[in-house]
Protein backbone atom coordinates (compact mmCIF):
# COMPACT_ATOMS: atom_id res chain seq x y z
CA MET A 1 -4.91 13.91 -2.19
CA GLN A 2 -2.48 11.94 -0.06
CA PHE A 3 1.28 12.13 -0.59
CA GLY A 4 3.87 9.82 0.83
CA ILE A 5 6.78 7.49 0.34
CA PHE A 6 7.20 3.76 0.04
CA SER A 7 10.13 1.43 0.53
CA VAL A 8 10.92 -1.98 -0.90
CA SER A 9 13.21 -2.54 2.13
CA ASP A 10 16.29 -3.40 0.08
CA ILE A 11 19.70 -3.57 1.77
CA THR A 12 22.07 -2.59 -1.01
CA ARG A 13 25.76 -1.73 -1.16
CA ASP A 14 26.46 1.98 -1.51
CA PRO A 15 28.46 2.13 -4.77
CA THR A 16 30.16 5.38 -3.75
CA THR A 17 31.63 3.99 -0.51
CA GLY A 18 31.55 0.23 -1.00
CA GLU A 19 29.72 -0.15 2.33
CA THR A 20 26.63 -2.28 2.85
CA PRO A 21 24.47 -1.41 5.86
CA THR A 22 23.58 -4.11 8.34
CA GLU A 23 20.01 -5.29 8.71
CA ALA A 24 19.85 -3.54 12.07
CA GLU A 25 21.05 -0.25 10.56
CA ARG A 26 18.57 -0.43 7.70
CA ILE A 27 15.63 -1.24 9.99
CA LYS A 28 16.54 1.65 12.28
CA ALA A 29 16.90 3.94 9.25
CA SER A 30 13.43 3.02 7.97
CA VAL A 31 11.92 4.16 11.28
CA ALA A 32 13.83 7.45 11.06
CA ILE A 33 12.62 7.92 7.48
CA ALA A 34 9.00 7.38 8.49
CA GLN A 35 9.30 9.83 11.38
CA LYS A 36 10.88 12.39 9.05
CA ALA A 37 8.06 11.89 6.54
CA GLU A 38 5.55 12.96 9.19
CA GLU A 39 7.76 15.83 10.34
CA VAL A 40 7.91 17.35 6.84
CA GLY A 41 4.15 17.06 6.32
CA LEU A 42 3.73 13.91 4.26
CA ASP A 43 0.65 11.76 4.77
CA VAL A 44 1.70 8.15 4.16
CA PHE A 45 4.57 5.74 4.82
CA ALA A 46 4.46 2.33 3.12
CA ILE A 47 6.73 -0.70 3.40
CA GLY A 48 6.91 -3.78 1.20
CA GLU A 49 6.97 -7.43 2.23
CA HIS A 50 9.91 -9.70 1.41
CA HIS A 51 11.17 -12.94 2.90
CA ASN A 52 14.67 -13.16 1.49
CA PRO A 53 17.97 -11.27 1.50
CA PRO A 54 18.77 -8.52 0.62
CA PHE A 55 15.45 -7.27 2.08
CA PHE A 56 14.47 -6.80 5.71
CA SER A 57 10.67 -6.38 5.82
CA SER A 58 9.48 -9.90 6.50
CA SER A 59 7.03 -8.63 9.16
CA PRO A 60 5.46 -5.36 7.97
CA THR A 61 2.85 -5.21 10.72
CA THR A 62 5.53 -5.27 13.44
CA LEU A 63 7.45 -2.41 11.84
CA LEU A 64 4.33 -0.39 11.06
CA ALA A 65 2.92 -0.76 14.57
CA HIS A 66 6.20 0.57 15.95
CA ILE A 67 6.13 3.51 13.54
CA ALA A 68 2.49 4.23 14.38
CA ALA A 69 3.42 4.39 18.06
CA LEU A 70 6.13 6.97 17.30
CA THR A 71 3.94 9.19 15.10
CA GLU A 72 0.67 11.05 15.52
CA ARG A 73 -0.74 11.72 12.05
CA LEU A 74 1.07 9.47 9.57
CA ILE A 75 -0.94 6.77 7.77
CA VAL A 76 1.04 3.50 7.73
CA THR A 77 0.45 0.99 4.98
CA THR A 78 2.06 -1.72 2.90
CA SER A 79 3.52 -1.92 -0.57
CA THR A 80 2.55 -4.75 -0.78
CA THR A 81 1.12 -7.45 1.52
CA LEU A 82 1.43 -10.82 -0.22
CA ILE A 83 -2.13 -12.04 -0.62
CA THR A 84 -0.86 -15.19 -2.35
CA THR A 85 1.47 -16.65 0.27
CA ASN A 86 -0.01 -15.27 3.50
CA ASP A 87 -2.97 -17.04 5.02
CA PRO A 88 -5.92 -14.63 4.70
CA VAL A 89 -6.98 -15.55 8.25
CA LYS A 90 -3.63 -14.32 9.56
CA ILE A 91 -3.81 -11.17 7.42
CA ALA A 92 -7.26 -10.45 8.86
CA GLU A 93 -5.97 -10.83 12.42
CA ASP A 94 -2.67 -9.00 12.03
CA TYR A 95 -3.96 -5.97 10.18
CA ALA A 96 -7.04 -5.59 12.36
CA MET A 97 -4.65 -5.48 15.31
CA LEU A 98 -2.53 -2.86 13.53
CA GLN A 99 -5.71 -0.89 12.84
CA HIS A 100 -6.51 -0.82 16.57
CA LEU A 101 -2.97 0.06 17.63
CA SER A 102 -2.69 2.88 15.09
CA GLY A 103 -6.10 4.32 15.91
CA GLY A 104 -7.23 3.68 12.35
CA ARG A 105 -4.18 5.34 10.76
CA MET A 106 -3.53 2.45 8.41
CA ASP A 107 -4.63 0.63 5.31
CA LEU A 108 -3.01 -2.05 3.22
CA MET A 109 -2.12 -2.82 -0.35
CA LEU A 110 -2.47 -6.39 -1.55
CA GLY A 111 -0.37 -7.89 -4.33
CA ARG A 112 1.38 -10.98 -5.59
CA GLY A 113 4.92 -9.64 -5.17
CA ASN A 114 7.83 -10.13 -7.54
CA THR A 115 9.79 -12.96 -5.91
CA GLY A 116 8.96 -16.34 -7.44
CA PRO A 117 10.69 -18.57 -4.84
CA VAL A 118 8.50 -17.19 -2.02
CA TYR A 119 5.65 -19.45 -3.18
CA PRO A 120 7.20 -22.82 -2.22
CA TRP A 121 8.64 -21.31 0.97
CA PHE A 122 5.06 -20.88 2.12
CA GLY A 123 3.69 -24.06 0.59
CA GLN A 124 2.16 -22.56 -2.55
CA ASP A 125 2.56 -22.99 -6.30
CA ILE A 126 3.50 -19.91 -8.32
CA ARG A 127 1.48 -21.27 -11.25
CA GLN A 128 -1.60 -20.70 -9.10
CA GLY A 129 -0.60 -17.14 -8.20
CA LEU A 130 -3.56 -15.37 -9.77
CA PRO A 131 -6.26 -17.81 -8.55
CA LEU A 132 -4.67 -17.62 -5.09
CA ALA A 133 -4.85 -13.85 -5.10
CA LEU A 134 -8.51 -13.87 -6.09
CA GLU A 135 -9.64 -16.59 -3.69
CA ASN A 136 -7.63 -15.39 -0.71
CA TYR A 137 -8.99 -11.88 -0.94
CA ASN A 138 -12.54 -13.17 -1.25
CA LEU A 139 -12.04 -14.82 2.15
CA LEU A 140 -10.28 -11.82 3.70
CA HIS A 141 -13.11 -9.55 2.56
CA ARG A 142 -15.65 -11.72 4.34
CA LEU A 143 -13.59 -12.20 7.51
CA TRP A 144 -13.61 -8.45 8.12
CA ARG A 145 -17.33 -8.04 7.43
CA GLU A 146 -18.96 -11.11 8.98
CA ASP A 147 -18.73 -12.05 12.65
CA VAL A 148 -19.09 -15.72 11.81
CA VAL A 149 -17.82 -17.21 8.56
CA ASP A 150 -18.42 -20.56 6.88
CA TRP A 151 -16.12 -20.88 3.90
CA GLU A 152 -14.69 -23.48 1.55
CA GLY A 153 -12.19 -22.95 -1.26
CA GLN A 154 -9.44 -24.59 -3.26
CA PHE A 155 -6.24 -23.52 -1.52
CA ARG A 156 -6.76 -23.80 2.24
CA THR A 157 -8.75 -25.85 4.70
CA ALA A 158 -12.42 -24.98 5.06
CA LEU A 159 -13.71 -22.77 7.86
CA GLN A 160 -16.80 -23.59 9.91
CA GLY A 161 -18.27 -21.01 12.25
CA PHE A 162 -15.00 -19.06 12.33
CA THR A 163 -14.61 -15.61 13.90
CA SER A 164 -11.53 -13.52 13.14
CA THR A 165 -10.33 -11.52 16.15
CA PRO A 166 -10.01 -8.73 16.93
CA ARG A 167 -12.89 -7.41 14.90
CA PRO A 168 -11.92 -4.33 12.85
CA LEU A 169 -11.75 -1.07 14.75
CA ASP A 170 -15.25 0.45 14.97
CA ASP A 171 -16.37 -2.60 12.95
CA VAL A 172 -15.03 -0.81 9.85
CA PRO A 173 -12.60 -2.92 7.78
CA PRO A 174 -9.28 -1.34 6.80
CA PHE A 175 -9.30 0.21 3.36
CA VAL A 176 -7.71 -2.08 0.78
CA TRP A 177 -5.71 -1.16 -2.30
CA HIS A 178 -5.02 -3.83 -4.92
CA GLY A 179 -1.57 -3.22 -6.37
CA SER A 180 -0.43 -4.31 -9.80
CA ILE A 181 2.08 -3.49 -12.50
CA ARG A 182 0.60 -5.43 -15.38
CA THR A 183 -2.40 -7.60 -14.45
CA PRO A 184 -5.92 -6.58 -15.55
CA GLU A 185 -7.48 -9.31 -13.40
CA ILE A 186 -6.25 -7.45 -10.30
CA ALA A 187 -7.77 -4.21 -11.59
CA GLU A 188 -11.00 -6.14 -12.13
CA GLN A 189 -10.85 -7.49 -8.57
CA ALA A 190 -10.36 -4.01 -7.13
CA ALA A 191 -13.32 -2.73 -9.15
CA TYR A 192 -15.57 -5.65 -8.21
CA TYR A 193 -15.21 -4.95 -4.48
CA GLY A 194 -15.17 -1.16 -4.81
CA ASN A 195 -11.63 -1.05 -3.43
CA GLY A 196 -8.71 1.11 -4.49
CA PHE A 197 -6.40 0.29 -7.39
CA PHE A 198 -2.72 1.15 -7.03
CA ALA A 199 -0.65 1.22 -10.22
CA ASN A 200 2.96 0.70 -9.18
CA HIS A 201 4.02 3.06 -11.98
CA ILE A 202 7.75 2.44 -11.81
CA PHE A 203 9.22 0.45 -14.67
CA TRP A 204 6.60 1.07 -17.35
CA PRO A 205 5.57 4.24 -19.20
CA THR A 206 2.62 6.20 -17.86
CA SER A 207 0.63 5.09 -20.91
CA HIS A 208 0.84 1.51 -19.63
CA SER A 209 -0.49 2.45 -16.18
CA LYS A 210 -3.21 4.53 -17.82
CA ARG A 211 -4.60 1.49 -19.65
CA LEU A 212 -4.96 -0.45 -16.40
CA ILE A 213 -6.44 2.54 -14.57
CA ASP A 214 -8.94 3.28 -17.34
CA PHE A 215 -10.04 -0.35 -17.28
CA TYR A 216 -10.39 -0.26 -13.47
CA ARG A 217 -12.46 2.93 -13.62
CA GLN A 218 -14.81 1.47 -16.22
CA ARG A 219 -15.33 -1.71 -14.19
CA PHE A 220 -15.75 0.25 -10.92
CA GLU A 221 -18.67 2.05 -12.51
CA HIS A 222 -19.98 -1.19 -14.04
CA TYR A 223 -20.25 -2.77 -10.58
CA GLY A 224 -22.25 0.19 -9.27
CA HIS A 225 -19.79 1.65 -6.79
CA GLY A 226 -20.02 5.12 -8.33
CA THR A 227 -18.98 6.83 -11.51
CA ALA A 228 -15.66 6.16 -13.16
CA LYS A 229 -14.47 9.51 -11.84
CA GLN A 230 -15.21 8.37 -8.28
CA ALA A 231 -12.93 5.34 -8.45
CA ILE A 232 -10.00 5.34 -5.99
CA VAL A 233 -6.61 5.38 -7.72
CA GLY A 234 -3.07 5.47 -6.37
CA LEU A 235 0.24 5.82 -8.19
CA GLY A 236 3.75 4.80 -7.32
CA GLY A 237 6.84 6.45 -8.70
CA GLN A 238 10.52 7.07 -8.07
CA ALA A 239 12.33 10.31 -7.41
CA TYR A 240 15.73 11.71 -6.62
CA ILE A 241 15.61 15.38 -5.64
CA ALA A 242 18.30 17.98 -5.05
CA LYS A 243 18.25 21.76 -4.86
CA ARG A 244 20.06 21.99 -8.19
CA SER A 245 19.06 19.77 -11.09
CA GLN A 246 22.60 18.84 -12.10
CA ASP A 247 23.45 17.86 -8.54
CA ALA A 248 20.50 15.45 -8.55
CA TRP A 249 21.70 13.79 -11.75
CA ASN A 250 25.31 13.59 -10.58
CA GLU A 251 24.42 12.26 -7.14
CA PHE A 252 21.91 9.64 -8.27
CA ARG A 253 23.80 8.33 -11.31
CA PRO A 254 26.19 5.92 -9.50
CA TYR A 255 23.26 4.42 -7.56
CA PHE A 256 21.21 4.00 -10.71
CA ASN A 257 24.08 2.45 -12.63
CA ALA A 258 24.86 -0.07 -9.88
CA ALA A 259 21.27 -1.00 -8.98
CA PRO A 260 20.41 -4.61 -9.96
CA VAL A 261 17.02 -3.55 -11.35
CA TYR A 262 18.53 -0.87 -13.60
CA GLY A 263 22.15 -1.75 -14.32
CA ASN A 264 23.20 -2.78 -17.83
CA GLY A 265 19.97 -1.40 -19.26
CA PRO A 266 18.96 2.01 -20.56
CA SER A 267 20.95 5.01 -19.41
CA LEU A 268 19.67 7.15 -16.57
CA GLU A 269 18.56 9.77 -19.08
CA GLU A 270 16.75 7.21 -21.21
CA PHE A 271 15.06 5.60 -18.23
CA GLU A 272 13.95 8.95 -16.83
CA ASP A 273 12.50 9.88 -20.20
CA MET A 274 10.66 6.58 -20.73
CA THR A 275 9.29 5.94 -17.23
CA PRO A 276 7.87 7.84 -14.22
CA LEU A 277 11.35 8.12 -12.67
CA SER A 278 11.80 11.78 -11.69
CA VAL A 279 15.31 13.18 -11.22
CA GLY A 280 16.08 16.85 -10.73
CA SER A 281 15.17 19.98 -8.84
CA PRO A 282 11.95 20.37 -6.87
CA GLN A 283 10.33 22.17 -9.80
CA GLU A 284 11.26 19.36 -12.17
CA ILE A 285 9.72 16.79 -9.81
CA ILE A 286 6.57 18.94 -9.62
CA ASP A 287 6.37 19.27 -13.39
CA LYS A 288 6.78 15.56 -14.02
CA THR A 289 4.26 14.59 -11.34
CA LEU A 290 1.70 16.89 -12.91
CA THR A 291 2.10 14.96 -16.17
CA PHE A 292 0.69 11.94 -14.34
CA HIS A 293 -2.47 13.91 -13.63
CA ASP A 294 -2.53 15.08 -17.25
CA ALA A 295 -2.58 11.43 -18.31
CA ILE A 296 -4.94 9.76 -15.84
CA GLY A 297 -6.97 12.58 -14.26
CA ASP A 298 -7.72 12.93 -10.57
CA TYR A 299 -6.21 10.34 -8.27
CA GLN A 300 -6.12 9.98 -4.52
CA ARG A 301 -2.60 8.88 -3.51
CA GLN A 302 0.91 9.52 -4.80
CA LEU A 303 3.81 7.58 -3.29
CA TRP A 304 7.49 7.91 -4.21
CA LEU A 305 10.34 5.45 -3.76
CA ILE A 306 13.32 7.46 -2.50
CA ASP A 307 15.40 5.17 -0.26
CA HIS A 308 16.51 2.35 -2.54
CA ALA A 309 19.66 1.27 -4.41
CA GLY A 310 22.02 1.86 -1.49
CA LEU A 311 21.25 5.54 -0.93
CA PRO A 312 22.55 6.59 2.51
CA LEU A 313 20.15 7.77 5.18
CA GLY A 314 21.38 11.35 4.98
CA ALA A 315 20.56 11.56 1.28
CA VAL A 316 17.06 10.19 1.92
CA LEU A 317 16.39 12.68 4.71
CA ASP A 318 17.64 15.54 2.52
CA GLN A 319 15.18 14.48 -0.18
CA LEU A 320 12.37 14.37 2.36
CA GLU A 321 13.11 17.96 3.34
CA LEU A 322 12.74 19.02 -0.28
CA LEU A 323 9.75 16.77 -0.90
CA GLY A 324 7.84 18.02 2.12
CA GLY A 325 9.06 21.59 2.00
CA GLU A 326 9.03 22.45 -1.71
CA VAL A 327 7.40 19.73 -3.82
CA VAL A 328 4.28 18.53 -2.02
CA PRO A 329 2.91 21.95 -0.98
CA VAL A 330 2.92 23.06 -4.61
CA LEU A 331 1.39 19.79 -5.79
CA ARG A 332 -1.35 19.98 -3.16
CA LYS A 333 -2.39 23.39 -4.44
CA GLU A 334 -2.03 22.58 -8.14
CA LEU A 335 -3.95 19.31 -7.92
CA ALA A 336 -6.65 20.83 -5.69
CA ASP A 337 -7.17 23.54 -8.30
CA ARG A 338 -7.48 20.90 -11.01
CA LYS A 339 -9.75 18.55 -9.07
CA ASP A 340 -13.09 17.63 -10.60
CA PRO A 341 -15.84 18.12 -7.98
CA GLU A 342 -17.15 14.66 -8.85
CA SER A 343 -13.94 12.79 -8.06
CA ALA A 344 -13.53 11.06 -4.71
CA GLU A 345 -11.49 12.17 -1.73
CA ALA A 346 -8.74 9.92 -0.43
CA PRO A 347 -10.24 7.32 1.94
CA THR A 348 -9.46 7.51 5.67
CA HIS A 349 -10.76 5.61 8.67
CA GLN A 350 -12.95 8.56 9.60
CA SER A 351 -14.44 8.81 6.12
CA LEU A 352 -15.19 5.06 6.16
CA ILE A 353 -16.91 5.43 9.55
CA LYS A 354 -19.02 8.25 8.13
CA ALA A 355 -19.92 6.21 5.06
CA LYS A 356 -21.05 3.24 7.16
CA TYR A 357 -22.81 4.92 10.09
CA GLY A 358 -23.58 8.47 9.01
CA ASP A 359 -24.27 10.34 12.24
CA GLY A 360 -25.43 7.19 14.04
CA PRO A 361 -23.69 5.24 16.79
CA VAL A 362 -20.53 3.31 15.97
CA ARG A 363 -20.44 -0.38 16.79
CA GLN A 364 -17.87 -1.56 19.35
CA PRO A 365 -18.00 -5.37 19.43
CA ARG A 366 -18.24 -6.91 22.92
CA PRO A 367 -17.73 -10.68 23.12
CA ASN A 368 -20.07 -13.05 24.91
CA ALA A 369 -18.69 -15.35 27.58
CA ASN A 370 -15.97 -17.74 26.41
CA ARG A 371 -17.44 -20.93 25.03
CA GLY A 372 -14.16 -22.56 24.09
CA ASP A 373 -14.67 -22.91 20.34
CA ASN A 374 -16.18 -21.31 17.28
CA LEU A 375 -18.38 -24.21 16.28
CA THR A 376 -21.35 -24.24 18.61
CA GLY A 377 -23.58 -21.96 20.55
CA THR A 378 -24.79 -18.44 19.92
CA SER A 379 -23.04 -15.61 18.14
CA PRO A 380 -19.72 -14.66 19.79
CA TYR A 381 -20.82 -11.00 20.21
CA GLN A 382 -23.44 -9.52 22.49
CA ASP A 383 -25.04 -7.25 19.91
CA THR A 384 -25.55 -9.84 17.15
CA SER A 385 -28.17 -12.42 16.41
CA THR A 386 -28.65 -15.36 18.76
CA ALA A 387 -28.67 -17.71 15.79
CA LYS A 388 -26.05 -20.42 15.93
CA ALA A 389 -22.66 -19.60 14.51
CA GLY A 390 -22.48 -20.22 10.79
CA GLN A 391 -26.23 -19.96 10.20
């Protein structure tokens, strides 16, 4: 089981001081948060992708590569990479490079995002969002598994004899999670490819996430990737933690009340009762997280959102101390004791290498001499067929 945190990269006014951090301050803080996550024993740091104020993470790979260079064990990932408005060729290149630079300590989550105007900014039509997500991932999947790709689709120019570089580290593609809040077609896509399914698990009751996860598990088994129990599931969530329960409620309330996504809606108490939001002492966070397992069974990754709504860096770091020191150690033990022997372990680069090669040699692609294009001649790599590219 992997535990970590994710950020939507919002830059929000602190309602208790009236101060809004600068972009530079918030970017620097996110690096400090990731480093602290590793220090306290968490496994994963994830960052979203946005291209508009008040968010800063327009280039997740740049930030994650920097964090990977400053850490030794932390898995860096996204929450989410926009599969709809990014060119899948560029995703293949950028995240393969991040995979190399991090030594395999990365994966990525693909999604459609929640910002409608981003589609025309990148030349796409929001009405085609779902077909874009399906087609673009089909291409990305092939680019990471085939040295030479011929491809034609609806939403981008065709490819003839194209090679994405660099090839994935050890010729093992990064693990992919498909993230969704409400879309069964995305759960179906994750199941079809045998990838992970990440239920964002923030605004909706656990019963809603359970329906999508149950559907994903059934389809994962249908496509022959293993039993339903062996499907790879991740959950999001939100938490505010303090030593004393009442302090947590008192401290978080002004941020909840002022947050654009919450304000003028249900009260903090109502929202905490209806959704996965967890507010309270370490034991209360543990107890609520265990209800997720009660509902959906074994899962492989739990991420919490803890740095949003204008919370100052100090409050986030204090929560990380409690999360890593008091919450996660108990959850690791409790969930390990509950684990069904048939359920899967959380995927890592090393486990993917083992699954592909067993105890055999690991491929390290070596290019042939430069031929100036990807359209003619033999395969671009020394250890592949001499057939012409694209054949």
